[in-house]
């Protein structure tokens, strides 16, 4: 049975501003890539955190059957949120410890529902540090953002 990995990244030009998300999904047998799929998308006016969340959400939602996978992200926000903070938010009715509404709550809820179907291991990797799959996810995020960026002024 191949091992599944999803490498995810988000990008934003300005924060808020045009943004994109990318996900590289890979099925591996040892060192051999058995199957690979690239996903990307974007929005005209968004934030980097929203794009990071959408990268992970789309990676999970694209899997047709419950799977065991590792999601590799360069976002501490996503990794810490989904493995730690989310439990308190759910207990507190989607409020932070300071009793304020959780930012991006609808995306956190969507991520929570998407990962519930799967057995997910979350890993963090330093972004822009030469990790090949993270760099590819970043390229996909920038491609997803491209249609929403205004052409550069001369």
C-alpha atoms as a PDB file:
ATOM      1  CA  UNK A   1       0.000   0.000   0.000  1.00  0.00           C
ATOM      2  CA  UNK A   2       1.539   3.343  -1.013  1.00  0.00           C
ATOM      3  CA  UNK A   3       2.217   5.979   1.620  1.00  0.00           C
ATOM      4  CA  UNK A   4       0.354   9.269   1.035  1.00  0.00           C
ATOM      5  CA  UNK A   5       1.808  12.735   1.511  1.00  0.00           C
ATOM      6  CA  UNK A   6       0.339  16.183   0.939  1.00  0.00           C
ATOM      7  CA  UNK A   7       2.713  19.143   0.801  1.00  0.00           C
ATOM      8  CA  UNK A   8       0.736  22.361   1.232  1.00  0.00           C
ATOM      9  CA  UNK A   9       1.458  26.072   1.021  1.00  0.00           C
ATOM     10  CA  UNK A  10      -0.277  29.416   0.786  1.00  0.00           C
ATOM     11  CA  UNK A  11       0.895  32.715  -0.665  1.00  0.00           C
ATOM     12  CA  UNK A  12      -0.375  36.259  -0.548  1.00  0.00           C
ATOM     13  CA  UNK A  13       0.702  39.471  -2.284  1.00  0.00           C
ATOM     14  CA  UNK A  14      -0.065  41.938   0.461  1.00  0.00           C
ATOM     15  CA  UNK A  15      -1.877  40.688   3.534  1.00  0.00           C
ATOM     16  CA  UNK A  16      -4.735  41.074   2.719  1.00  0.00           C
ATOM     17  CA  UNK A  17      -4.406  41.004  -1.043  1.00  0.00           C
ATOM     18  CA  UNK A  18      -4.499  38.549  -3.912  1.00  0.00           C
ATOM     19  CA  UNK A  19      -3.590  35.089  -2.689  1.00  0.00           C
ATOM     20  CA  UNK A  20      -3.153  31.507  -3.761  1.00  0.00           C
ATOM     21  CA  UNK A  21      -2.863  28.032  -2.321  1.00  0.00           C
ATOM     22  CA  UNK A  22      -1.101  24.953  -3.609  1.00  0.00           C
ATOM     23  CA  UNK A  23      -0.933  21.297  -2.684  1.00  0.00           C
ATOM     24  CA  UNK A  24       1.297  18.551  -4.015  1.00  0.00           C
ATOM     25  CA  UNK A  25      -0.169  15.101  -3.315  1.00  0.00           C
ATOM     26  CA  UNK A  26       2.100  12.094  -3.625  1.00  0.00           C
ATOM     27  CA  UNK A  27       1.670   8.372  -3.232  1.00  0.00           C
ATOM     28  CA  UNK A  28       5.028   6.776  -2.442  1.00  0.00           C
ATOM     29  CA  UNK A  29       6.326   3.219  -2.340  1.00  0.00           C
ATOM     30  CA  UNK A  30       9.640   3.588  -0.591  1.00  0.00           C
ATOM     31  CA  UNK A  31      11.565   6.214  -2.558  1.00  0.00           C
ATOM     32  CA  UNK A  32       9.455   5.720  -5.704  1.00  0.00           C
ATOM     33  CA  UNK A  33       6.654   8.121  -6.627  1.00  0.00           C
ATOM     34  CA  UNK A  34       3.670   5.984  -7.633  1.00  0.00           C
ATOM     35  CA  UNK A  35       1.227   8.815  -8.311  1.00  0.00           C
ATOM     36  CA  UNK A  36       1.321  12.587  -8.106  1.00  0.00           C
ATOM     37  CA  UNK A  37      -1.358  15.253  -8.287  1.00  0.00           C
ATOM     38  CA  UNK A  38      -1.077  19.043  -8.142  1.00  0.00           C
ATOM     39  CA  UNK A  39      -3.852  21.285  -6.848  1.00  0.00           C
ATOM     40  CA  UNK A  40      -4.021  25.081  -6.808  1.00  0.00           C
ATOM     41  CA  UNK A  41      -6.447  27.942  -6.474  1.00  0.00           C
ATOM     42  CA  UNK A  42      -6.701  31.482  -5.285  1.00  0.00           C
ATOM     43  CA  UNK A  43      -8.779  34.494  -4.343  1.00  0.00           C
ATOM     44  CA  UNK A  44      -8.688  38.192  -5.191  1.00  0.00           C
ATOM     45  CA  UNK A  45      -8.729  39.523  -1.624  1.00  0.00           C
ATOM     46  CA  UNK A  46      -7.554  37.208   1.121  1.00  0.00           C
ATOM     47  CA  UNK A  47      -4.856  36.584   3.717  1.00  0.00           C
ATOM     48  CA  UNK A  48      -1.870  34.262   3.870  1.00  0.00           C
ATOM     49  CA  UNK A  49      -3.423  32.307   6.758  1.00  0.00           C
ATOM     50  CA  UNK A  50      -6.632  31.688   4.789  1.00  0.00           C
ATOM     51  CA  UNK A  51      -4.580  30.391   1.849  1.00  0.00           C
ATOM     52  CA  UNK A  52      -2.541  28.089   4.117  1.00  0.00           C
ATOM     53  CA  UNK A  53      -5.791  26.665   5.499  1.00  0.00           C
ATOM     54  CA  UNK A  54      -7.339  26.232   2.037  1.00  0.00           C
ATOM     55  CA  UNK A  55      -4.263  24.338   0.819  1.00  0.00           C
ATOM     56  CA  UNK A  56      -4.695  21.738   3.565  1.00  0.00           C
ATOM     57  CA  UNK A  57      -8.499  21.653   3.202  1.00  0.00           C
ATOM     58  CA  UNK A  58      -8.346  21.066  -0.540  1.00  0.00           C
ATOM     59  CA  UNK A  59      -5.690  18.367  -0.166  1.00  0.00           C
ATOM     60  CA  UNK A  60      -7.959  16.483   2.253  1.00  0.00           C
ATOM     61  CA  UNK A  61     -11.218  17.092   0.386  1.00  0.00           C
ATOM     62  CA  UNK A  62      -9.802  15.818  -2.899  1.00  0.00           C
ATOM     63  CA  UNK A  63      -9.208  12.338  -1.421  1.00  0.00           C
ATOM     64  CA  UNK A  64     -12.188  10.205  -2.417  1.00  0.00           C
ATOM     65  CA  UNK A  65     -11.883   7.583   0.296  1.00  0.00           C
ATOM     66  CA  UNK A  66     -10.697   7.668   3.906  1.00  0.00           C
ATOM     67  CA  UNK A  67      -6.909   7.589   3.868  1.00  0.00           C
ATOM     68  CA  UNK A  68      -3.866   7.571   6.070  1.00  0.00           C
ATOM     69  CA  UNK A  69      -1.635  10.482   5.093  1.00  0.00           C
ATOM     70  CA  UNK A  70       1.003  12.913   6.246  1.00  0.00           C
ATOM     71  CA  UNK A  71       0.414  16.607   5.611  1.00  0.00           C
ATOM     72  CA  UNK A  72       3.601  18.646   5.457  1.00  0.00           C
ATOM     73  CA  UNK A  73       3.101  22.395   5.900  1.00  0.00           C
ATOM     74  CA  UNK A  74       5.376  25.369   6.480  1.00  0.00           C
ATOM     75  CA  UNK A  75       2.573  27.053   8.443  1.00  0.00           C
ATOM     76  CA  UNK A  76       2.926  26.911  12.227  1.00  0.00           C
ATOM     77  CA  UNK A  77      -0.543  28.535  12.292  1.00  0.00           C
ATOM     78  CA  UNK A  78      -2.142  25.559  10.523  1.00  0.00           C
ATOM     79  CA  UNK A  79      -0.137  22.840  12.280  1.00  0.00           C
ATOM     80  CA  UNK A  80      -0.513  24.284  15.786  1.00  0.00           C
ATOM     81  CA  UNK A  81      -4.144  25.201  15.163  1.00  0.00           C
ATOM     82  CA  UNK A  82      -5.261  21.788  13.937  1.00  0.00           C
ATOM     83  CA  UNK A  83      -3.210  19.728  16.412  1.00  0.00           C
ATOM     84  CA  UNK A  84      -3.754  21.887  19.491  1.00  0.00           C
ATOM     85  CA  UNK A  85      -5.786  25.094  19.564  1.00  0.00           C
ATOM     86  CA  UNK A  86      -8.817  23.688  17.738  1.00  0.00           C
ATOM     87  CA  UNK A  87      -9.772  21.468  20.692  1.00  0.00           C
ATOM     88  CA  UNK A  88     -10.206  24.483  22.993  1.00  0.00           C
ATOM     89  CA  UNK A  89     -11.979  26.492  20.307  1.00  0.00           C
ATOM     90  CA  UNK A  90     -14.539  23.726  19.833  1.00  0.00           C
ATOM     91  CA  UNK A  91     -15.084  23.440  23.610  1.00  0.00           C
ATOM     92  CA  UNK A  92     -15.488  27.241  23.831  1.00  0.00           C
ATOM     93  CA  UNK A  93     -18.010  27.507  20.973  1.00  0.00           C
ATOM     94  CA  UNK A  94     -15.379  28.747  18.486  1.00  0.00           C
ATOM     95  CA  UNK A  95     -14.082  31.439  20.825  1.00  0.00           C
ATOM     96  CA  UNK A  96     -10.455  31.965  21.793  1.00  0.00           C
ATOM     97  CA  UNK A  97      -9.231  31.763  25.388  1.00  0.00           C
ATOM     98  CA  UNK A  98      -9.749  35.557  25.440  1.00  0.00           C
ATOM     99  CA  UNK A  99     -13.441  34.942  24.525  1.00  0.00           C
ATOM    100  CA  UNK A 100     -13.005  36.515  21.079  1.00  0.00           C
ATOM    101  CA  UNK A 101     -14.336  34.825  17.920  1.00  0.00           C
ATOM    102  CA  UNK A 102     -11.770  32.542  16.265  1.00  0.00           C
ATOM    103  CA  UNK A 103     -10.428  34.120  13.069  1.00  0.00           C
ATOM    104  CA  UNK A 104     -11.218  32.034   9.981  1.00  0.00           C
ATOM    105  CA  UNK A 105     -13.568  29.858  12.048  1.00  0.00           C
ATOM    106  CA  UNK A 106     -15.466  28.650   8.967  1.00  0.00           C
ATOM    107  CA  UNK A 107     -12.208  27.381   7.434  1.00  0.00           C
ATOM    108  CA  UNK A 108     -11.102  25.752  10.705  1.00  0.00           C
ATOM    109  CA  UNK A 109     -14.484  24.005  10.865  1.00  0.00           C
ATOM    110  CA  UNK A 110     -14.113  22.859   7.266  1.00  0.00           C
ATOM    111  CA  UNK A 111     -10.571  21.600   7.970  1.00  0.00           C
ATOM    112  CA  UNK A 112     -11.776  19.793  11.088  1.00  0.00           C
ATOM    113  CA  UNK A 113     -14.543  18.056   9.105  1.00  0.00           C
ATOM    114  CA  UNK A 114     -12.183  17.218   6.214  1.00  0.00           C
ATOM    115  CA  UNK A 115      -9.550  15.630   8.434  1.00  0.00           C
ATOM    116  CA  UNK A 116     -12.140  13.677  10.468  1.00  0.00           C
ATOM    117  CA  UNK A 117     -12.531  11.225   7.530  1.00  0.00           C
ATOM    118  CA  UNK A 118      -8.805  10.470   7.500  1.00  0.00           C
ATOM    119  CA  UNK A 119      -5.932   9.445   9.732  1.00  0.00           C
ATOM    120  CA  UNK A 120      -3.688  12.509   9.437  1.00  0.00           C
ATOM    121  CA  UNK A 121      -0.182  13.082  10.734  1.00  0.00           C
ATOM    122  CA  UNK A 122       0.871  16.744  10.622  1.00  0.00           C
ATOM    123  CA  UNK A 123       4.483  17.776  10.037  1.00  0.00           C
ATOM    124  CA  UNK A 124       6.007  21.229   9.927  1.00  0.00           C
ATOM    125  CA  UNK A 125       8.886  22.124   7.611  1.00  0.00           C
ATOM    126  CA  UNK A 126      10.705  25.443   7.410  1.00  0.00           C
ATOM    127  CA  UNK A 127       9.474  27.360   4.366  1.00  0.00           C
ATOM    128  CA  UNK A 128      11.780  28.702   1.649  1.00  0.00           C
ATOM    129  CA  UNK A 129      14.588  26.515   2.940  1.00  0.00           C
ATOM    130  CA  UNK A 130      15.140  24.332  -0.128  1.00  0.00           C
ATOM    131  CA  UNK A 131      12.723  21.510   0.768  1.00  0.00           C
ATOM    132  CA  UNK A 132      11.844  20.366  -2.800  1.00  0.00           C
ATOM    133  CA  UNK A 133       8.203  19.430  -2.191  1.00  0.00           C
ATOM    134  CA  UNK A 134       7.547  22.559  -0.114  1.00  0.00           C
ATOM    135  CA  UNK A 135       9.112  24.663  -2.879  1.00  0.00           C
ATOM    136  CA  UNK A 136       6.801  22.953  -5.406  1.00  0.00           C
ATOM    137  CA  UNK A 137       3.761  23.646  -3.197  1.00  0.00           C
ATOM    138  CA  UNK A 138       4.891  27.288  -3.032  1.00  0.00           C
ATOM    139  CA  UNK A 139       5.119  27.413  -6.850  1.00  0.00           C
ATOM    140  CA  UNK A 140       1.597  26.003  -7.086  1.00  0.00           C
ATOM    141  CA  UNK A 141       0.338  28.617  -4.603  1.00  0.00           C
ATOM    142  CA  UNK A 142       1.910  31.396  -6.667  1.00  0.00           C
ATOM    143  CA  UNK A 143       0.349  29.938  -9.832  1.00  0.00           C
ATOM    144  CA  UNK A 144      -3.007  29.888  -8.030  1.00  0.00           C
ATOM    145  CA  UNK A 145      -2.558  33.541  -7.074  1.00  0.00           C
ATOM    146  CA  UNK A 146      -1.453  34.709 -10.547  1.00  0.00           C
ATOM    147  CA  UNK A 147      -4.926  35.231 -12.091  1.00  0.00           C
ATOM    148  CA  UNK A 148      -5.856  37.546  -9.210  1.00  0.00           C
ATOM    149  CA  UNK A 149      -2.788  39.793  -9.326  1.00  0.00           C
ATOM    150  CA  UNK A 150      -2.985  43.054 -11.147  1.00  0.00           C
ATOM    151  CA  UNK A 151      -0.384  43.471 -13.913  1.00  0.00           C
ATOM    152  CA  UNK A 152       2.699  45.396 -12.793  1.00  0.00           C
ATOM    153  CA  UNK A 153       2.635  49.090 -13.657  1.00  0.00           C
ATOM    154  CA  UNK A 154       5.404  50.371 -15.918  1.00  0.00           C
END
